[in-house]
Amino acid sequence: MTDLADLSDIPPIQVFDGIRARRVEGDLVTLAIVELDPDAVVPEHRHPHEQNGMVITGQMTFRVGSEERALGPGGTWRIRGDVPHTATAGPEGAVVIDVFSPIRSDWESRQVLELMDPVWPRRP
């Protein structure tokens, strides 16, 4: 991957059903721009990576450990390593940004999808 790219030039991967991510990876950090279809569910899971994120468009309901909250644009989350978490997109879907450390090398096995225009940012 080049050091400078437009989001539209990064092919998405299939993370879960109805959930796609475009990755920008460094040596220690993965930046993921994640598109979620309406009502898409991120099933409960955990991973050793620290994860911070923010809703860009749409609505998300997150549960991190025992805390649950609905978040809209600008809503953020912090998930420490090995903490169980789940999320559900709202009825209009959502776009979120996730940052993981260390990198999500486990995503290497995910299906790479056909290159398509990103949901966000919208082109004029």
Protein backbone atom coordinates (compact mmCIF):
# COMPACT_ATOMS: atom_id res chain seq x y z
CA MET A 1 0.00 0.00 0.00
CA THR A 2 1.17 3.51 -0.74
CA ASP A 3 1.69 5.94 2.12
CA LEU A 4 -0.89 8.36 0.63
CA ALA A 5 -4.25 7.13 -0.68
CA ASP A 6 -7.88 8.10 -1.12
CA LEU A 7 -10.43 5.99 0.73
CA SER A 8 -12.04 5.09 -2.61
CA ASP A 9 -8.78 3.40 -3.67
CA ILE A 10 -8.72 1.00 -0.69
CA PRO A 11 -10.66 -2.23 -1.25
CA PRO A 12 -12.92 -3.16 1.67
CA ILE A 13 -12.80 -6.44 3.55
CA GLN A 14 -15.81 -8.34 4.89
CA VAL A 15 -15.53 -8.20 8.69
CA PHE A 16 -18.98 -9.60 9.56
CA ASP A 17 -22.26 -9.93 7.61
CA GLY A 18 -23.27 -6.42 6.51
CA ILE A 19 -20.03 -4.92 7.85
CA ARG A 20 -17.10 -3.84 5.67
CA ALA A 21 -13.83 -2.16 6.62
CA ARG A 22 -11.14 -0.33 4.70
CA ARG A 23 -7.77 -0.53 6.44
CA VAL A 24 -4.81 1.77 6.67
CA GLU A 25 -2.06 -0.07 8.50
CA GLY A 26 1.22 1.00 9.97
CA ASP A 27 3.69 -1.08 11.91
CA LEU A 28 1.81 -0.73 15.21
CA VAL A 29 -1.67 0.67 14.42
CA THR A 30 -4.63 -0.23 12.20
CA LEU A 31 -6.98 2.59 11.21
CA ALA A 32 -10.28 1.14 9.94
CA ILE A 33 -13.11 3.03 8.28
CA VAL A 34 -16.06 0.69 8.85
CA GLU A 35 -19.37 0.74 6.95
CA LEU A 36 -22.32 -0.97 8.61
CA ASP A 37 -25.55 -1.81 6.81
CA PRO A 38 -28.85 -0.88 8.51
CA ASP A 39 -29.33 -2.89 11.72
CA ALA A 40 -26.05 -4.79 11.18
CA VAL A 41 -24.82 -6.59 14.28
CA VAL A 42 -21.25 -6.95 15.46
CA PRO A 43 -21.57 -10.13 17.52
CA GLU A 44 -20.05 -10.25 20.98
CA HIS A 45 -16.35 -10.90 20.74
CA ARG A 46 -13.05 -9.93 22.32
CA HIS A 47 -9.52 -9.50 21.06
CA PRO A 48 -6.17 -8.59 22.56
CA HIS A 49 -6.04 -5.30 20.66
CA GLU A 50 -6.91 -1.98 22.26
CA GLN A 51 -9.64 -0.30 20.22
CA ASN A 52 -10.75 3.34 20.13
CA GLY A 53 -13.37 4.66 17.78
CA MET A 54 -15.91 7.28 16.80
CA VAL A 55 -19.22 7.37 14.94
CA ILE A 56 -19.00 9.44 11.76
CA THR A 57 -22.54 8.96 10.40
CA GLY A 58 -25.63 7.13 11.64
CA GLN A 59 -26.31 5.61 15.03
CA MET A 60 -24.70 2.74 16.95
CA THR A 61 -25.59 0.97 20.16
CA PHE A 62 -22.46 -0.32 21.90
CA ARG A 63 -21.96 -2.60 24.84
CA VAL A 64 -18.44 -2.66 26.27
CA GLY A 65 -18.15 -4.96 29.26
CA SER A 66 -21.29 -4.19 31.28
CA GLU A 67 -21.74 -0.61 29.97
CA GLU A 68 -24.21 0.01 27.13
CA ARG A 69 -25.01 3.23 25.31
CA ALA A 70 -26.48 4.56 22.06
CA LEU A 71 -24.05 6.81 20.17
CA GLY A 72 -24.50 9.19 17.26
CA PRO A 73 -22.02 11.20 15.22
CA GLY A 74 -19.14 12.24 17.47
CA GLY A 75 -19.84 9.46 19.98
CA THR A 76 -16.67 7.63 21.00
CA TRP A 77 -15.62 4.35 22.58
CA ARG A 78 -12.61 2.88 24.28
CA ILE A 79 -12.24 -0.88 24.45
CA ARG A 80 -9.30 -2.29 26.33
CA GLY A 81 -7.77 -5.59 25.27
CA ASP A 82 -9.76 -8.77 25.97
CA VAL A 83 -12.93 -6.91 27.07
CA PRO A 84 -16.10 -8.43 25.55
CA HIS A 85 -18.06 -6.03 23.37
CA THR A 86 -20.84 -5.90 20.80
CA ALA A 87 -22.47 -3.25 18.64
CA THR A 88 -25.58 -2.78 16.52
CA ALA A 89 -26.03 -0.21 13.76
CA GLY A 90 -29.15 1.92 13.68
CA PRO A 91 -31.91 1.65 11.05
CA GLU A 92 -30.00 3.87 8.59
CA GLY A 93 -26.67 2.06 9.03
CA ALA A 94 -23.50 3.79 10.14
CA VAL A 95 -19.93 4.68 9.29
CA VAL A 96 -17.41 4.53 12.11
CA ILE A 97 -13.68 4.88 12.52
CA ASP A 98 -11.83 2.31 14.61
CA VAL A 99 -8.19 2.43 15.65
CA PHE A 100 -6.52 -0.76 16.86
CA SER A 101 -3.17 -1.40 18.45
CA PRO A 102 -1.36 -3.60 17.69
CA ILE A 103 -2.40 -4.04 14.06
CA ARG A 104 -5.26 -6.39 13.18
CA SER A 105 -3.13 -9.04 11.49
CA ASP A 106 -6.03 -11.48 12.09
CA TRP A 107 -7.96 -9.56 9.41
CA GLU A 108 -5.52 -10.79 6.74
CA SER A 109 -7.73 -13.88 6.29
CA ARG A 110 -10.92 -11.83 5.69
CA GLN A 111 -12.45 -11.77 2.22
CA VAL A 112 -11.36 -8.79 0.13
CA LEU A 113 -14.37 -7.33 -1.65
CA GLU A 114 -14.62 -5.67 -5.03
CA LEU A 115 -13.50 -2.06 -5.05
CA MET A 116 -16.54 0.20 -4.57
CA ASP A 117 -17.18 3.83 -3.66
CA PRO A 118 -17.18 4.39 0.08
CA VAL A 119 -20.43 5.30 1.84
CA TRP A 120 -18.58 8.24 3.41
CA PRO A 121 -17.50 10.75 2.38
CA ARG A 122 -20.22 11.21 -0.19
CA ARG A 123 -19.07 12.38 -3.57
CA PRO A 124 -20.68 15.55 -4.94
